Amino acid sequence: MTVRLSTTLNNVGSISNDGNKEIILRFFDFMKRIGTSERYQNNNLKAIISYSKFLGPSVSLDNVKTKTKLLHSWIQK
């Protein structure tokens, strides 16, 4: 079953970190501006929303800059 872009955008509201919500919405605006397809936008948004939920409310997407931080976040779970 395919999830529509509108449904994926509604899922942004379920992210507990407000900074991450803003980052994701800015990324969506960027993808629209450069003319990517809705399918591409939807797939990227689904991935980044899931990742943001995985990181939890205390980790900002801006703070993840290295593989070490990625691994550290995973080990703490």
PDB file of N, CA and C in Angstrom:
ATOM      1  N   MET A   1       0.838  -1.179   0.000  1.00  0.00           N
ATOM      2  CA  MET A   1       0.000   0.000   0.000  1.00  0.00           C
ATOM      3  C   MET A   1       0.888   1.250   0.000  1.00  0.00           C
ATOM      4  N   THR A   2       0.572   2.151  -0.862  1.00  0.00           N
ATOM      5  CA  THR A   2       1.346   3.376  -1.002  1.00  0.00           C
ATOM      6  C   THR A   2       0.840   4.443  -0.035  1.00  0.00           C
ATOM      7  N   VAL A   3       1.768   5.117   0.599  1.00  0.00           N
ATOM      8  CA  VAL A   3       1.429   6.222   1.494  1.00  0.00           C
ATOM      9  C   VAL A   3       1.559   7.513   0.698  1.00  0.00           C
ATOM     10  N   ARG A   4       0.536   8.323   0.719  1.00  0.00           N
ATOM     11  CA  ARG A   4       0.540   9.584  -0.022  1.00  0.00           C
ATOM     12  C   ARG A   4       1.457  10.602   0.649  1.00  0.00           C
ATOM     13  N   LEU A   5       1.927  11.534  -0.160  1.00  0.00           N
ATOM     14  CA  LEU A   5       2.792  12.599   0.343  1.00  0.00           C
ATOM     15  C   LEU A   5       2.076  13.390   1.436  1.00  0.00           C
ATOM     16  N   SER A   6       0.794  13.656   1.263  1.00  0.00           N
ATOM     17  CA  SER A   6       0.040  14.415   2.276  1.00  0.00           C
ATOM     18  C   SER A   6       0.015  13.675   3.617  1.00  0.00           C
ATOM     19  N   THR A   7      -0.104  12.359   3.575  1.00  0.00           N
ATOM     20  CA  THR A   7      -0.087  11.560   4.805  1.00  0.00           C
ATOM     21  C   THR A   7       1.285  11.623   5.459  1.00  0.00           C
ATOM     22  N   THR A   8       2.323  11.526   4.646  1.00  0.00           N
ATOM     23  CA  THR A   8       3.688  11.602   5.179  1.00  0.00           C
ATOM     24  C   THR A   8       3.924  12.953   5.824  1.00  0.00           C
ATOM     25  N   LEU A   9       3.457  14.032   5.185  1.00  0.00           N
ATOM     26  CA  LEU A   9       3.622  15.372   5.759  1.00  0.00           C
ATOM     27  C   LEU A   9       2.877  15.504   7.084  1.00  0.00           C
ATOM     28  N   ASN A  10       1.729  14.863   7.189  1.00  0.00           N
ATOM     29  CA  ASN A  10       0.991  14.881   8.464  1.00  0.00           C
ATOM     30  C   ASN A  10       1.774  14.175   9.564  1.00  0.00           C
ATOM     31  N   ASN A  11       2.594  13.190   9.196  1.00  0.00           N
ATOM     32  CA  ASN A  11       3.397  12.460  10.174  1.00  0.00           C
ATOM     33  C   ASN A  11       4.520  13.299  10.767  1.00  0.00           C
ATOM     34  N   VAL A  12       4.859  14.400  10.130  1.00  0.00           N
ATOM     35  CA  VAL A  12       5.876  15.293  10.690  1.00  0.00           C
ATOM     36  C   VAL A  12       5.416  15.783  12.064  1.00  0.00           C
ATOM     37  N   GLY A  13       4.110  15.961  12.226  1.00  0.00           N
ATOM     38  CA  GLY A  13       3.566  16.425  13.498  1.00  0.00           C
ATOM     39  C   GLY A  13       3.784  15.463  14.648  1.00  0.00           C
ATOM     40  N   SER A  14       4.075  14.217  14.351  1.00  0.00           N
ATOM     41  CA  SER A  14       4.276  13.232  15.419  1.00  0.00           C
ATOM     42  C   SER A  14       5.710  13.222  15.954  1.00  0.00           C
ATOM     43  N   ILE A  15       6.574  14.046  15.399  1.00  0.00           N
ATOM     44  CA  ILE A  15       7.960  14.139  15.872  1.00  0.00           C
ATOM     45  C   ILE A  15       7.986  15.026  17.113  1.00  0.00           C
ATOM     46  N   SER A  16       8.624  14.555  18.161  1.00  0.00           N
ATOM     47  CA  SER A  16       8.594  15.270  19.438  1.00  0.00           C
ATOM     48  C   SER A  16       9.612  16.407  19.537  1.00  0.00           C
ATOM     49  N   ASN A  17      10.583  16.462  18.646  1.00  0.00           N
ATOM     50  CA  ASN A  17      11.596  17.513  18.669  1.00  0.00           C
ATOM     51  C   ASN A  17      11.191  18.599  17.665  1.00  0.00           C
ATOM     52  N   ASP A  18      10.829  19.779  18.171  1.00  0.00           N
ATOM     53  CA  ASP A  18      10.357  20.863  17.307  1.00  0.00           C
ATOM     54  C   ASP A  18      11.418  21.323  16.308  1.00  0.00           C
ATOM     55  N   GLY A  19      12.675  21.307  16.717  1.00  0.00           N
ATOM     56  CA  GLY A  19      13.756  21.685  15.808  1.00  0.00           C
ATOM     57  C   GLY A  19      13.845  20.733  14.621  1.00  0.00           C
ATOM     58  N   ASN A  20      13.671  19.450  14.890  1.00  0.00           N
ATOM     59  CA  ASN A  20      13.705  18.456  13.817  1.00  0.00           C
ATOM     60  C   ASN A  20      12.515  18.618  12.878  1.00  0.00           C
ATOM     61  N   LYS A  21      11.357  18.972  13.432  1.00  0.00           N
ATOM     62  CA  LYS A  21      10.189  19.242  12.583  1.00  0.00           C
ATOM     63  C   LYS A  21      10.509  20.353  11.587  1.00  0.00           C
ATOM     64  N   GLU A  22      11.110  21.419  12.094  1.00  0.00           N
ATOM     65  CA  GLU A  22      11.444  22.564  11.250  1.00  0.00           C
ATOM     66  C   GLU A  22      12.458  22.171  10.175  1.00  0.00           C
ATOM     67  N   ILE A  23      13.466  21.420  10.547  1.00  0.00           N
ATOM     68  CA  ILE A  23      14.476  20.968   9.589  1.00  0.00           C
ATOM     69  C   ILE A  23      13.831  20.141   8.477  1.00  0.00           C
ATOM     70  N   ILE A  24      12.942  19.237   8.853  1.00  0.00           N
ATOM     71  CA  ILE A  24      12.294  18.366   7.872  1.00  0.00           C
ATOM     72  C   ILE A  24      11.420  19.176   6.925  1.00  0.00           C
ATOM     73  N   LEU A  25      10.680  20.142   7.464  1.00  0.00           N
ATOM     74  CA  LEU A  25       9.822  20.962   6.603  1.00  0.00           C
ATOM     75  C   LEU A  25      10.645  21.855   5.677  1.00  0.00           C
ATOM     76  N   ARG A  26      11.785  22.365   6.164  1.00  0.00           N
ATOM     77  CA  ARG A  26      12.681  23.147   5.287  1.00  0.00           C
ATOM     78  C   ARG A  26      13.257  22.267   4.196  1.00  0.00           C
ATOM     79  N   PHE A  27      13.594  21.017   4.526  1.00  0.00           N
ATOM     80  CA  PHE A  27      14.104  20.075   3.540  1.00  0.00           C
ATOM     81  C   PHE A  27      13.039  19.787   2.479  1.00  0.00           C
ATOM     82  N   PHE A  28      11.790  19.634   2.913  1.00  0.00           N
ATOM     83  CA  PHE A  28      10.695  19.416   1.978  1.00  0.00           C
ATOM     84  C   PHE A  28      10.553  20.612   1.028  1.00  0.00           C
ATOM     85  N   ASP A  29      10.593  21.821   1.586  1.00  0.00           N
ATOM     86  CA  ASP A  29      10.516  23.024   0.741  1.00  0.00           C
ATOM     87  C   ASP A  29      11.658  23.067  -0.262  1.00  0.00           C
ATOM     88  N   PHE A  30      12.845  22.693   0.166  1.00  0.00           N
ATOM     89  CA  PHE A  30      13.998  22.657  -0.734  1.00  0.00           C
ATOM     90  C   PHE A  30      13.766  21.667  -1.872  1.00  0.00           C
ATOM     91  N   MET A  31      13.285  20.476  -1.538  1.00  0.00           N
ATOM     92  CA  MET A  31      13.046  19.466  -2.572  1.00  0.00           C
ATOM     93  C   MET A  31      12.007  19.942  -3.582  1.00  0.00           C
ATOM     94  N   LYS A  32      10.970  20.645  -3.102  1.00  0.00           N
ATOM     95  CA  LYS A  32       9.961  21.187  -4.017  1.00  0.00           C
ATOM     96  C   LYS A  32      10.573  22.243  -4.929  1.00  0.00           C
ATOM     97  N   ARG A  33      11.387  23.139  -4.346  1.00  0.00           N
ATOM     98  CA  ARG A  33      11.993  24.235  -5.128  1.00  0.00           C
ATOM     99  C   ARG A  33      12.886  23.729  -6.246  1.00  0.00           C
ATOM    100  N   ILE A  34      13.602  22.640  -6.002  1.00  0.00           N
ATOM    101  CA  ILE A  34      14.522  22.162  -7.037  1.00  0.00           C
ATOM    102  C   ILE A  34      13.842  21.229  -8.032  1.00  0.00           C
ATOM    103  N   GLY A  35      12.543  20.983  -7.833  1.00  0.00           N
ATOM    104  CA  GLY A  35      11.768  20.263  -8.826  1.00  0.00           C
ATOM    105  C   GLY A  35      11.812  18.744  -8.759  1.00  0.00           C
ATOM    106  N   THR A  36      12.036  18.196  -7.577  1.00  0.00           N
ATOM    107  CA  THR A  36      12.034  16.742  -7.458  1.00  0.00           C
ATOM    108  C   THR A  36      10.606  16.213  -7.550  1.00  0.00           C
ATOM    109  N   SER A  37      10.466  14.953  -7.869  1.00  0.00           N
ATOM    110  CA  SER A  37       9.137  14.347  -7.987  1.00  0.00           C
ATOM    111  C   SER A  37       8.522  14.136  -6.605  1.00  0.00           C
ATOM    112  N   GLU A  38       7.193  14.022  -6.576  1.00  0.00           N
ATOM    113  CA  GLU A  38       6.512  13.766  -5.305  1.00  0.00           C
ATOM    114  C   GLU A  38       6.933  12.423  -4.719  1.00  0.00           C
ATOM    115  N   ARG A  39       7.174  11.452  -5.561  1.00  0.00           N
ATOM    116  CA  ARG A  39       7.606  10.141  -5.081  1.00  0.00           C
ATOM    117  C   ARG A  39       8.959  10.245  -4.372  1.00  0.00           C
ATOM    118  N   TYR A  40       9.889  10.971  -4.989  1.00  0.00           N
ATOM    119  CA  TYR A  40      11.212  11.194  -4.397  1.00  0.00           C
ATOM    120  C   TYR A  40      11.070  11.925  -3.060  1.00  0.00           C
ATOM    121  N   GLN A  41      10.254  12.982  -3.043  1.00  0.00           N
ATOM    122  CA  GLN A  41      10.032  13.751  -1.820  1.00  0.00           C
ATOM    123  C   GLN A  41       9.453  12.845  -0.719  1.00  0.00           C
ATOM    124  N   ASN A  42       8.449  12.069  -1.096  1.00  0.00           N
ATOM    125  CA  ASN A  42       7.783  11.204  -0.133  1.00  0.00           C
ATOM    126  C   ASN A  42       8.748  10.180   0.458  1.00  0.00           C
ATOM    127  N   ASN A  43       9.535   9.542  -0.394  1.00  0.00           N
ATOM    128  CA  ASN A  43      10.479   8.530   0.093  1.00  0.00           C
ATOM    129  C   ASN A  43      11.526   9.137   1.019  1.00  0.00           C
ATOM    130  N   ASN A  44      12.040  10.305   0.662  1.00  0.00           N
ATOM    131  CA  ASN A  44      13.023  10.964   1.523  1.00  0.00           C
ATOM    132  C   ASN A  44      12.410  11.390   2.846  1.00  0.00           C
ATOM    133  N   LEU A  45      11.209  11.938   2.792  1.00  0.00           N
ATOM    134  CA  LEU A  45      10.553  12.366   4.027  1.00  0.00           C
ATOM    135  C   LEU A  45      10.253  11.194   4.950  1.00  0.00           C
ATOM    136  N   LYS A  46       9.801  10.089   4.401  1.00  0.00           N
ATOM    137  CA  LYS A  46       9.528   8.914   5.240  1.00  0.00           C
ATOM    138  C   LYS A  46      10.801   8.460   5.953  1.00  0.00           C
ATOM    139  N   ALA A  47      11.916   8.479   5.245  1.00  0.00           N
ATOM    140  CA  ALA A  47      13.180   8.044   5.850  1.00  0.00           C
ATOM    141  C   ALA A  47      13.629   9.003   6.951  1.00  0.00           C
ATOM    142  N   ILE A  48      13.582  10.300   6.682  1.00  0.00           N
ATOM    143  CA  ILE A  48      14.078  11.268   7.662  1.00  0.00           C
ATOM    144  C   ILE A  48      13.151  11.365   8.868  1.00  0.00           C
ATOM    145  N   ILE A  49      11.842  11.169   8.671  1.00  0.00           N
ATOM    146  CA  ILE A  49      10.908  11.160   9.793  1.00  0.00           C
ATOM    147  C   ILE A  49      11.190   9.953  10.687  1.00  0.00           C
ATOM    148  N   SER A  50      11.374   8.802  10.091  1.00  0.00           N
ATOM    149  CA  SER A  50      11.680   7.597  10.879  1.00  0.00           C
ATOM    150  C   SER A  50      12.983   7.757  11.639  1.00  0.00           C
ATOM    151  N   TYR A  51      13.984   8.320  10.984  1.00  0.00           N
ATOM    152  CA  TYR A  51      15.278   8.523  11.631  1.00  0.00           C
ATOM    153  C   TYR A  51      15.155   9.503  12.801  1.00  0.00           C
ATOM    154  N   SER A  52      14.402  10.573  12.606  1.00  0.00           N
ATOM    155  CA  SER A  52      14.217  11.546  13.669  1.00  0.00           C
ATOM    156  C   SER A  52      13.518  10.921  14.871  1.00  0.00           C
ATOM    157  N   LYS A  53      12.521  10.085  14.614  1.00  0.00           N
ATOM    158  CA  LYS A  53      11.841   9.386  15.713  1.00  0.00           C
ATOM    159  C   LYS A  53      12.799   8.434  16.413  1.00  0.00           C
ATOM    160  N   PHE A  54      13.663   7.782  15.647  1.00  0.00           N
ATOM    161  CA  PHE A  54      14.655   6.875  16.219  1.00  0.00           C
ATOM    162  C   PHE A  54      15.606   7.630  17.153  1.00  0.00           C
ATOM    163  N   LEU A  55      16.026   8.829  16.750  1.00  0.00           N
ATOM    164  CA  LEU A  55      16.943   9.616  17.566  1.00  0.00           C
ATOM    165  C   LEU A  55      16.297  10.071  18.873  1.00  0.00           C
ATOM    166  N   GLY A  56      14.996  10.302  18.840  1.00  0.00           N
ATOM    167  CA  GLY A  56      14.287  10.728  20.038  1.00  0.00           C
ATOM    168  C   GLY A  56      14.254  12.232  20.192  1.00  0.00           C
ATOM    169  N   PRO A  57      13.597  12.691  21.234  1.00  0.00           N
ATOM    170  CA  PRO A  57      13.381  14.127  21.396  1.00  0.00           C
ATOM    171  C   PRO A  57      14.617  14.924  21.801  1.00  0.00           C
ATOM    172  N   SER A  58      15.629  14.267  22.313  1.00  0.00           N
ATOM    173  CA  SER A  58      16.781  15.006  22.838  1.00  0.00           C
ATOM    174  C   SER A  58      17.907  15.195  21.827  1.00  0.00           C
ATOM    175  N   VAL A  59      17.812  14.594  20.648  1.00  0.00           N
ATOM    176  CA  VAL A  59      18.889  14.700  19.659  1.00  0.00           C
ATOM    177  C   VAL A  59      18.379  15.449  18.434  1.00  0.00           C
ATOM    178  N   SER A  60      19.081  16.515  18.095  1.00  0.00           N
ATOM    179  CA  SER A  60      18.726  17.299  16.918  1.00  0.00           C
ATOM    180  C   SER A  60      19.410  16.722  15.684  1.00  0.00           C
ATOM    181  N   LEU A  61      18.708  16.753  14.575  1.00  0.00           N
ATOM    182  CA  LEU A  61      19.309  16.298  13.320  1.00  0.00           C
ATOM    183  C   LEU A  61      20.551  17.126  12.976  1.00  0.00           C
ATOM    184  N   ASP A  62      20.565  18.394  13.397  1.00  0.00           N
ATOM    185  CA  ASP A  62      21.729  19.254  13.168  1.00  0.00           C
ATOM    186  C   ASP A  62      22.974  18.749  13.881  1.00  0.00           C
ATOM    187  N   ASN A  63      22.796  18.029  14.972  1.00  0.00           N
ATOM    188  CA  ASN A  63      23.935  17.568  15.766  1.00  0.00           C
ATOM    189  C   ASN A  63      24.539  16.269  15.267  1.00  0.00           C
ATOM    190  N   VAL A  64      23.885  15.585  14.357  1.00  0.00           N
ATOM    191  CA  VAL A  64      24.415  14.324  13.830  1.00  0.00           C
ATOM    192  C   VAL A  64      25.248  14.649  12.605  1.00  0.00           C
ATOM    193  N   LYS A  65      26.560  14.618  12.786  1.00  0.00           N
ATOM    194  CA  LYS A  65      27.460  14.993  11.702  1.00  0.00           C
ATOM    195  C   LYS A  65      28.474  13.913  11.354  1.00  0.00           C
ATOM    196  N   THR A  66      28.568  12.893  12.200  1.00  0.00           N
ATOM    197  CA  THR A  66      29.543  11.846  11.952  1.00  0.00           C
ATOM    198  C   THR A  66      28.914  10.468  12.151  1.00  0.00           C
ATOM    199  N   LYS A  67      29.543   9.467  11.608  1.00  0.00           N
ATOM    200  CA  LYS A  67      29.076   8.101  11.795  1.00  0.00           C
ATOM    201  C   LYS A  67      29.156   7.700  13.262  1.00  0.00           C
ATOM    202  N   THR A  68      30.120   8.250  13.982  1.00  0.00           N
ATOM    203  CA  THR A  68      30.278   7.929  15.392  1.00  0.00           C
ATOM    204  C   THR A  68      29.040   8.331  16.173  1.00  0.00           C
ATOM    205  N   LYS A  69      28.497   9.515  15.883  1.00  0.00           N
ATOM    206  CA  LYS A  69      27.289   9.954  16.575  1.00  0.00           C
ATOM    207  C   LYS A  69      26.111   9.065  16.216  1.00  0.00           C
ATOM    208  N   LEU A  70      26.076   8.623  14.987  1.00  0.00           N
ATOM    209  CA  LEU A  70      25.021   7.702  14.563  1.00  0.00           C
ATOM    210  C   LEU A  70      25.097   6.426  15.364  1.00  0.00           C
ATOM    211  N   LEU A  71      26.285   5.852  15.437  1.00  0.00           N
ATOM    212  CA  LEU A  71      26.487   4.614  16.163  1.00  0.00           C
ATOM    213  C   LEU A  71      26.187   4.799  17.646  1.00  0.00           C
ATOM    214  N   HIS A  72      26.633   5.915  18.217  1.00  0.00           N
ATOM    215  CA  HIS A  72      26.399   6.195  19.619  1.00  0.00           C
ATOM    216  C   HIS A  72      24.910   6.268  19.911  1.00  0.00           C
ATOM    217  N   SER A  73      24.135   6.905  19.031  1.00  0.00           N
ATOM    218  CA  SER A  73      22.686   6.991  19.210  1.00  0.00           C
ATOM    219  C   SER A  73      22.073   5.597  19.177  1.00  0.00           C
ATOM    220  N   TRP A  74      22.549   4.744  18.304  1.00  0.00           N
ATOM    221  CA  TRP A  74      22.006   3.401  18.170  1.00  0.00           C
ATOM    222  C   TRP A  74      22.327   2.551  19.387  1.00  0.00           C
ATOM    223  N   ILE A  75      23.544   2.657  19.908  1.00  0.00           N
ATOM    224  CA  ILE A  75      23.968   1.855  21.061  1.00  0.00           C
ATOM    225  C   ILE A  75      23.162   2.231  22.291  1.00  0.00           C
ATOM    226  N   GLN A  76      22.816   3.501  22.436  1.00  0.00           N
ATOM    227  CA  GLN A  76      22.067   3.943  23.608  1.00  0.00           C
ATOM    228  C   GLN A  76      20.652   3.413  23.641  1.00  0.00           C
ATOM    229  N   LYS A  77      20.119   2.997  22.518  1.00  0.00           N
ATOM    230  CA  LYS A  77      18.727   2.504  22.465  1.00  0.00           C
ATOM    231  C   LYS A  77      18.586   1.188  23.129  1.00  0.00           C
TER     232      LYS A  77
END
